[in-house]
Amino acid sequence: MSKSIFYHAGCPVCVSAEHDILNLIGADQVEVVNIGEDRSRLTEAESAGIKSVPALLTPNGNVLHINFGASLEDVKG
């Protein structure tokens, strides 16, 4: 993986964090995944160690949970 992946669920907390991450890291260095809209990526996020969103998966596999918005269990519904 060469880019970071920013997972979020589309809530205001997540969208605000998305804007900050893109401004800090650069849009060309981050893939944004809204798992609220693209539920097919939930399993991928869980496998990577994502427990809540918003979260950033770094290129070396570290998970940075940011400003707790919702657990993945909540997003699954």
PDB file of N, CA and C in Angstrom:
ATOM      1  N   MET A   1       0.861  -1.173   0.000  1.00  0.00           N
ATOM      2  CA  MET A   1       0.000   0.000   0.000  1.00  0.00           C
ATOM      3  C   MET A   1       0.902   1.230   0.000  1.00  0.00           C
ATOM      4  N   SER A   2       0.686   2.118  -0.941  1.00  0.00           N
ATOM      5  CA  SER A   2       1.518   3.309  -1.016  1.00  0.00           C
ATOM      6  C   SER A   2       0.821   4.556  -0.483  1.00  0.00           C
ATOM      7  N   LYS A   3      -0.492   4.527  -0.424  1.00  0.00           N
ATOM      8  CA  LYS A   3      -1.257   5.653   0.107  1.00  0.00           C
ATOM      9  C   LYS A   3      -1.842   5.284   1.469  1.00  0.00           C
ATOM     10  N   SER A   4      -2.135   6.307   2.248  1.00  0.00           N
ATOM     11  CA  SER A   4      -2.938   6.093   3.450  1.00  0.00           C
ATOM     12  C   SER A   4      -4.388   5.931   3.005  1.00  0.00           C
ATOM     13  N   ILE A   5      -5.178   5.258   3.827  1.00  0.00           N
ATOM     14  CA  ILE A   5      -6.612   5.134   3.552  1.00  0.00           C
ATOM     15  C   ILE A   5      -7.360   5.744   4.725  1.00  0.00           C
ATOM     16  N   PHE A   6      -8.215   6.708   4.437  1.00  0.00           N
ATOM     17  CA  PHE A   6      -9.024   7.355   5.454  1.00  0.00           C
ATOM     18  C   PHE A   6     -10.426   6.788   5.365  1.00  0.00           C
ATOM     19  N   TYR A   7     -10.825   6.062   6.416  1.00  0.00           N
ATOM     20  CA  TYR A   7     -12.166   5.475   6.488  1.00  0.00           C
ATOM     21  C   TYR A   7     -13.060   6.373   7.314  1.00  0.00           C
ATOM     22  N   HIS A   8     -14.279   6.597   6.816  1.00  0.00           N
ATOM     23  CA  HIS A   8     -15.251   7.360   7.600  1.00  0.00           C
ATOM     24  C   HIS A   8     -16.659   6.932   7.230  1.00  0.00           C
ATOM     25  N   ALA A   9     -17.640   7.485   7.926  1.00  0.00           N
ATOM     26  CA  ALA A   9     -19.029   7.067   7.721  1.00  0.00           C
ATOM     27  C   ALA A   9     -19.924   8.195   7.229  1.00  0.00           C
ATOM     28  N   GLY A  10     -19.351   9.355   6.921  1.00  0.00           N
ATOM     29  CA  GLY A  10     -20.133  10.445   6.361  1.00  0.00           C
ATOM     30  C   GLY A  10     -20.755  11.397   7.356  1.00  0.00           C
ATOM     31  N   CYS A  11     -20.567  11.160   8.646  1.00  0.00           N
ATOM     32  CA  CYS A  11     -21.147  12.058   9.654  1.00  0.00           C
ATOM     33  C   CYS A  11     -20.352  13.367   9.684  1.00  0.00           C
ATOM     34  N   PRO A  12     -20.886  14.408  10.312  1.00  0.00           N
ATOM     35  CA  PRO A  12     -20.167  15.687  10.369  1.00  0.00           C
ATOM     36  C   PRO A  12     -18.769  15.595  10.984  1.00  0.00           C
ATOM     37  N   VAL A  13     -18.593  14.790  12.030  1.00  0.00           N
ATOM     38  CA  VAL A  13     -17.281  14.606  12.642  1.00  0.00           C
ATOM     39  C   VAL A  13     -16.319  14.012  11.610  1.00  0.00           C
ATOM     40  N   CYS A  14     -16.793  13.010  10.881  1.00  0.00           N
ATOM     41  CA  CYS A  14     -15.959  12.335   9.885  1.00  0.00           C
ATOM     42  C   CYS A  14     -15.593  13.266   8.730  1.00  0.00           C
ATOM     43  N   VAL A  15     -16.546  14.015   8.237  1.00  0.00           N
ATOM     44  CA  VAL A  15     -16.297  14.910   7.111  1.00  0.00           C
ATOM     45  C   VAL A  15     -15.308  16.001   7.512  1.00  0.00           C
ATOM     46  N   SER A  16     -15.458  16.523   8.709  1.00  0.00           N
ATOM     47  CA  SER A  16     -14.511  17.529   9.200  1.00  0.00           C
ATOM     48  C   SER A  16     -13.103  16.950   9.294  1.00  0.00           C
ATOM     49  N   ALA A  17     -12.989  15.737   9.830  1.00  0.00           N
ATOM     50  CA  ALA A  17     -11.688  15.080   9.938  1.00  0.00           C
ATOM     51  C   ALA A  17     -11.120  14.789   8.547  1.00  0.00           C
ATOM     52  N   GLU A  18     -11.971  14.411   7.608  1.00  0.00           N
ATOM     53  CA  GLU A  18     -11.519  14.164   6.231  1.00  0.00           C
ATOM     54  C   GLU A  18     -10.854  15.409   5.656  1.00  0.00           C
ATOM     55  N   HIS A  19     -11.499  16.557   5.809  1.00  0.00           N
ATOM     56  CA  HIS A  19     -10.943  17.807   5.288  1.00  0.00           C
ATOM     57  C   HIS A  19      -9.588  18.104   5.922  1.00  0.00           C
ATOM     58  N   ASP A  20      -9.488  17.905   7.228  1.00  0.00           N
ATOM     59  CA  ASP A  20      -8.219  18.159   7.919  1.00  0.00           C
ATOM     60  C   ASP A  20      -7.122  17.206   7.436  1.00  0.00           C
ATOM     61  N   ILE A  21      -7.446  15.933   7.308  1.00  0.00           N
ATOM     62  CA  ILE A  21      -6.466  14.934   6.859  1.00  0.00           C
ATOM     63  C   ILE A  21      -5.988  15.269   5.447  1.00  0.00           C
ATOM     64  N   LEU A  22      -6.914  15.593   4.556  1.00  0.00           N
ATOM     65  CA  LEU A  22      -6.525  15.917   3.181  1.00  0.00           C
ATOM     66  C   LEU A  22      -5.657  17.167   3.133  1.00  0.00           C
ATOM     67  N   ASN A  23      -5.965  18.150   3.970  1.00  0.00           N
ATOM     68  CA  ASN A  23      -5.143  19.360   4.021  1.00  0.00           C
ATOM     69  C   ASN A  23      -3.769  19.083   4.603  1.00  0.00           C
ATOM     70  N   LEU A  24      -3.689  18.216   5.595  1.00  0.00           N
ATOM     71  CA  LEU A  24      -2.410  17.912   6.237  1.00  0.00           C
ATOM     72  C   LEU A  24      -1.512  17.010   5.390  1.00  0.00           C
ATOM     73  N   ILE A  25      -2.093  15.965   4.824  1.00  0.00           N
ATOM     74  CA  ILE A  25      -1.309  14.951   4.129  1.00  0.00           C
ATOM     75  C   ILE A  25      -1.267  15.194   2.620  1.00  0.00           C
ATOM     76  N   GLY A  26      -2.358  15.695   2.079  1.00  0.00           N
ATOM     77  CA  GLY A  26      -2.473  15.907   0.640  1.00  0.00           C
ATOM     78  C   GLY A  26      -3.403  14.890   0.011  1.00  0.00           C
ATOM     79  N   ALA A  27      -4.315  15.377  -0.815  1.00  0.00           N
ATOM     80  CA  ALA A  27      -5.328  14.518  -1.429  1.00  0.00           C
ATOM     81  C   ALA A  27      -4.714  13.419  -2.292  1.00  0.00           C
ATOM     82  N   ASP A  28      -3.527  13.664  -2.845  1.00  0.00           N
ATOM     83  CA  ASP A  28      -2.885  12.663  -3.694  1.00  0.00           C
ATOM     84  C   ASP A  28      -2.232  11.541  -2.891  1.00  0.00           C
ATOM     85  N   GLN A  29      -2.177  11.699  -1.559  1.00  0.00           N
ATOM     86  CA  GLN A  29      -1.554  10.701  -0.695  1.00  0.00           C
ATOM     87  C   GLN A  29      -2.554   9.907   0.130  1.00  0.00           C
ATOM     88  N   VAL A  30      -3.858  10.197  -0.049  1.00  0.00           N
ATOM     89  CA  VAL A  30      -4.887   9.573   0.784  1.00  0.00           C
ATOM     90  C   VAL A  30      -6.047   9.090  -0.083  1.00  0.00           C
ATOM     91  N   GLU A  31      -6.427   7.839   0.107  1.00  0.00           N
ATOM     92  CA  GLU A  31      -7.654   7.323  -0.485  1.00  0.00           C
ATOM     93  C   GLU A  31      -8.746   7.486   0.564  1.00  0.00           C
ATOM     94  N   VAL A  32      -9.851   8.119   0.195  1.00  0.00           N
ATOM     95  CA  VAL A  32     -10.955   8.322   1.126  1.00  0.00           C
ATOM     96  C   VAL A  32     -12.020   7.270   0.856  1.00  0.00           C
ATOM     97  N   VAL A  33     -12.420   6.568   1.921  1.00  0.00           N
ATOM     98  CA  VAL A  33     -13.439   5.527   1.816  1.00  0.00           C
ATOM     99  C   VAL A  33     -14.563   5.850   2.786  1.00  0.00           C
ATOM    100  N   ASN A  34     -15.729   6.157   2.244  1.00  0.00           N
ATOM    101  CA  ASN A  34     -16.917   6.395   3.064  1.00  0.00           C
ATOM    102  C   ASN A  34     -17.648   5.059   3.175  1.00  0.00           C
ATOM    103  N   ILE A  35     -17.439   4.366   4.299  1.00  0.00           N
ATOM    104  CA  ILE A  35     -18.058   3.048   4.453  1.00  0.00           C
ATOM    105  C   ILE A  35     -19.547   3.145   4.758  1.00  0.00           C
ATOM    106  N   GLY A  36     -20.024   4.357   5.019  1.00  0.00           N
ATOM    107  CA  GLY A  36     -21.464   4.554   5.131  1.00  0.00           C
ATOM    108  C   GLY A  36     -22.131   4.408   3.774  1.00  0.00           C
ATOM    109  N   GLU A  37     -21.403   4.769   2.715  1.00  0.00           N
ATOM    110  CA  GLU A  37     -21.914   4.660   1.351  1.00  0.00           C
ATOM    111  C   GLU A  37     -21.423   3.389   0.661  1.00  0.00           C
ATOM    112  N   ASP A  38     -20.182   3.002   0.900  1.00  0.00           N
ATOM    113  CA  ASP A  38     -19.589   1.830   0.258  1.00  0.00           C
ATOM    114  C   ASP A  38     -19.396   0.730   1.299  1.00  0.00           C
ATOM    115  N   ARG A  39     -20.491   0.071   1.618  1.00  0.00           N
ATOM    116  CA  ARG A  39     -20.478  -0.922   2.693  1.00  0.00           C
ATOM    117  C   ARG A  39     -19.652  -2.156   2.333  1.00  0.00           C
ATOM    118  N   SER A  40     -19.321  -2.318   1.070  1.00  0.00           N
ATOM    119  CA  SER A  40     -18.498  -3.457   0.657  1.00  0.00           C
ATOM    120  C   SER A  40     -17.081  -3.364   1.221  1.00  0.00           C
ATOM    121  N   ARG A  41     -16.691  -2.201   1.730  1.00  0.00           N
ATOM    122  CA  ARG A  41     -15.344  -2.003   2.270  1.00  0.00           C
ATOM    123  C   ARG A  41     -15.275  -2.222   3.783  1.00  0.00           C
ATOM    124  N   LEU A  42     -16.407  -2.556   4.416  1.00  0.00           N
ATOM    125  CA  LEU A  42     -16.434  -2.788   5.867  1.00  0.00           C
ATOM    126  C   LEU A  42     -15.506  -3.927   6.287  1.00  0.00           C
ATOM    127  N   THR A  43     -15.556  -5.036   5.600  1.00  0.00           N
ATOM    128  CA  THR A  43     -14.719  -6.183   5.945  1.00  0.00           C
ATOM    129  C   THR A  43     -13.242  -5.828   5.813  1.00  0.00           C
ATOM    130  N   GLU A  44     -12.899  -5.107   4.763  1.00  0.00           N
ATOM    131  CA  GLU A  44     -11.528  -4.643   4.554  1.00  0.00           C
ATOM    132  C   GLU A  44     -11.075  -3.778   5.730  1.00  0.00           C
ATOM    133  N   ALA A  45     -11.935  -2.851   6.149  1.00  0.00           N
ATOM    134  CA  ALA A  45     -11.599  -1.963   7.268  1.00  0.00           C
ATOM    135  C   ALA A  45     -11.389  -2.768   8.549  1.00  0.00           C
ATOM    136  N   GLU A  46     -12.289  -3.699   8.826  1.00  0.00           N
ATOM    137  CA  GLU A  46     -12.153  -4.537  10.019  1.00  0.00           C
ATOM    138  C   GLU A  46     -10.868  -5.357   9.976  1.00  0.00           C
ATOM    139  N   SER A  47     -10.560  -5.928   8.835  1.00  0.00           N
ATOM    140  CA  SER A  47      -9.345  -6.736   8.690  1.00  0.00           C
ATOM    141  C   SER A  47      -8.081  -5.913   8.923  1.00  0.00           C
ATOM    142  N   ALA A  48      -8.142  -4.628   8.602  1.00  0.00           N
ATOM    143  CA  ALA A  48      -6.999  -3.736   8.793  1.00  0.00           C
ATOM    144  C   ALA A  48      -6.856  -3.292  10.248  1.00  0.00           C
ATOM    145  N   GLY A  49      -7.884  -3.569  11.074  1.00  0.00           N
ATOM    146  CA  GLY A  49      -7.825  -3.186  12.483  1.00  0.00           C
ATOM    147  C   GLY A  49      -8.622  -1.954  12.835  1.00  0.00           C
ATOM    148  N   ILE A  50      -9.441  -1.481  11.908  1.00  0.00           N
ATOM    149  CA  ILE A  50     -10.285  -0.317  12.178  1.00  0.00           C
ATOM    150  C   ILE A  50     -11.381  -0.730  13.159  1.00  0.00           C
ATOM    151  N   LYS A  51     -11.492   0.006  14.259  1.00  0.00           N
ATOM    152  CA  LYS A  51     -12.510  -0.271  15.281  1.00  0.00           C
ATOM    153  C   LYS A  51     -13.597   0.789  15.305  1.00  0.00           C
ATOM    154  N   SER A  52     -13.245   2.006  14.872  1.00  0.00           N
ATOM    155  CA  SER A  52     -14.194   3.110  14.850  1.00  0.00           C
ATOM    156  C   SER A  52     -13.779   4.063  13.735  1.00  0.00           C
ATOM    157  N   VAL A  53     -14.705   4.864  13.325  1.00  0.00           N
ATOM    158  CA  VAL A  53     -14.421   5.880  12.316  1.00  0.00           C
ATOM    159  C   VAL A  53     -14.701   7.258  12.896  1.00  0.00           C
ATOM    160  N   PRO A  54     -13.983   8.251  12.462  1.00  0.00           N
ATOM    161  CA  PRO A  54     -12.983   8.259  11.403  1.00  0.00           C
ATOM    162  C   PRO A  54     -11.666   7.626  11.852  1.00  0.00           C
ATOM    163  N   ALA A  55     -10.963   7.020  10.888  1.00  0.00           N
ATOM    164  CA  ALA A  55      -9.678   6.391  11.162  1.00  0.00           C
ATOM    165  C   ALA A  55      -8.808   6.446   9.916  1.00  0.00           C
ATOM    166  N   LEU A  56      -7.520   6.510  10.147  1.00  0.00           N
ATOM    167  CA  LEU A  56      -6.556   6.557   9.055  1.00  0.00           C
ATOM    168  C   LEU A  56      -5.668   5.319   9.134  1.00  0.00           C
ATOM    169  N   LEU A  57      -5.593   4.587   8.032  1.00  0.00           N
ATOM    170  CA  LEU A  57      -4.696   3.446   7.907  1.00  0.00           C
ATOM    171  C   LEU A  57      -3.469   3.934   7.156  1.00  0.00           C
ATOM    172  N   THR A  58      -2.310   3.873   7.811  1.00  0.00           N
ATOM    173  CA  THR A  58      -1.087   4.368   7.194  1.00  0.00           C
ATOM    174  C   THR A  58      -0.525   3.329   6.225  1.00  0.00           C
ATOM    175  N   PRO A  59       0.360   3.747   5.322  1.00  0.00           N
ATOM    176  CA  PRO A  59       0.924   2.803   4.350  1.00  0.00           C
ATOM    177  C   PRO A  59       1.644   1.615   4.988  1.00  0.00           C
ATOM    178  N   ASN A  60       2.164   1.774   6.206  1.00  0.00           N
ATOM    179  CA  ASN A  60       2.840   0.639   6.847  1.00  0.00           C
ATOM    180  C   ASN A  60       1.905  -0.166   7.740  1.00  0.00           C
ATOM    181  N   GLY A  61       0.594   0.096   7.688  1.00  0.00           N
ATOM    182  CA  GLY A  61      -0.389  -0.729   8.376  1.00  0.00           C
ATOM    183  C   GLY A  61      -0.818  -0.262   9.750  1.00  0.00           C
ATOM    184  N   ASN A  62      -0.323   0.892  10.208  1.00  0.00           N
ATOM    185  CA  ASN A  62      -0.766   1.425  11.495  1.00  0.00           C
ATOM    186  C   ASN A  62      -2.149   2.048  11.346  1.00  0.00           C
ATOM    187  N   VAL A  63      -2.975   1.847  12.359  1.00  0.00           N
ATOM    188  CA  VAL A  63      -4.321   2.428  12.380  1.00  0.00           C
ATOM    189  C   VAL A  63      -4.335   3.581  13.371  1.00  0.00           C
ATOM    190  N   LEU A  64      -4.735   4.747  12.891  1.00  0.00           N
ATOM    191  CA  LEU A  64      -4.857   5.930  13.742  1.00  0.00           C
ATOM    192  C   LEU A  64      -6.337   6.260  13.857  1.00  0.00           C
ATOM    193  N   HIS A  65      -6.924   5.966  15.022  1.00  0.00           N
ATOM    194  CA  HIS A  65      -8.323   6.299  15.260  1.00  0.00           C
ATOM    195  C   HIS A  65      -8.392   7.773  15.648  1.00  0.00           C
ATOM    196  N   ILE A  66      -9.285   8.501  15.000  1.00  0.00           N
ATOM    197  CA  ILE A  66      -9.344   9.953  15.137  1.00  0.00           C
ATOM    198  C   ILE A  66     -10.693  10.371  15.707  1.00  0.00           C
ATOM    199  N   ASN A  67     -10.681  11.110  16.804  1.00  0.00           N
ATOM    200  CA  ASN A  67     -11.895  11.761  17.299  1.00  0.00           C
ATOM    201  C   ASN A  67     -13.124  10.864  17.175  1.00  0.00           C
ATOM    202  N   PHE A  68     -13.229   9.867  18.008  1.00  0.00           N
ATOM    203  CA  PHE A  68     -14.270   8.836  17.926  1.00  0.00           C
ATOM    204  C   PHE A  68     -15.612   9.394  17.454  1.00  0.00           C
ATOM    205  N   GLY A  69     -16.074   8.865  16.330  1.00  0.00           N
ATOM    206  CA  GLY A  69     -17.366   9.257  15.776  1.00  0.00           C
ATOM    207  C   GLY A  69     -18.385   8.144  15.898  1.00  0.00           C
ATOM    208  N   ALA A  70     -18.005   6.929  15.441  1.00  0.00           N
ATOM    209  CA  ALA A  70     -18.910   5.786  15.506  1.00  0.00           C
ATOM    210  C   ALA A  70     -18.095   4.505  15.432  1.00  0.00           C
ATOM    211  N   SER A  71     -18.531   3.497  16.177  1.00  0.00           N
ATOM    212  CA  SER A  71     -17.877   2.194  16.084  1.00  0.00           C
ATOM    213  C   SER A  71     -18.290   1.535  14.775  1.00  0.00           C
ATOM    214  N   LEU A  72     -17.509   0.587  14.308  1.00  0.00           N
ATOM    215  CA  LEU A  72     -17.890  -0.129  13.093  1.00  0.00           C
ATOM    216  C   LEU A  72     -19.179  -0.909  13.312  1.00  0.00           C
ATOM    217  N   GLU A  73     -19.410  -1.362  14.533  1.00  0.00           N
ATOM    218  CA  GLU A  73     -20.661  -2.059  14.823  1.00  0.00           C
ATOM    219  C   GLU A  73     -21.854  -1.124  14.609  1.00  0.00           C
ATOM    220  N   ASP A  74     -21.714   0.142  14.985  1.00  0.00           N
ATOM    221  CA  ASP A  74     -22.780   1.115  14.752  1.00  0.00           C
ATOM    222  C   ASP A  74     -22.990   1.353  13.256  1.00  0.00           C
ATOM    223  N   VAL A  75     -21.888   1.419  12.515  1.00  0.00           N
ATOM    224  CA  VAL A  75     -21.983   1.654  11.074  1.00  0.00           C
ATOM    225  C   VAL A  75     -22.643   0.477  10.378  1.00  0.00           C
ATOM    226  N   LYS A  76     -22.361  -0.741  10.845  1.00  0.00           N
ATOM    227  CA  LYS A  76     -22.978  -1.933  10.257  1.00  0.00           C
ATOM    228  C   LYS A  76     -24.501  -1.889  10.427  1.00  0.00           C
ATOM    229  N   GLY A  77     -24.930  -1.292  11.539  1.00  0.00           N
ATOM    230  CA  GLY A  77     -26.352  -1.155  11.793  1.00  0.00           C
ATOM    231  C   GLY A  77     -26.942  -2.383  12.284  1.00  0.00           C
TER     232      GLY A  77
END
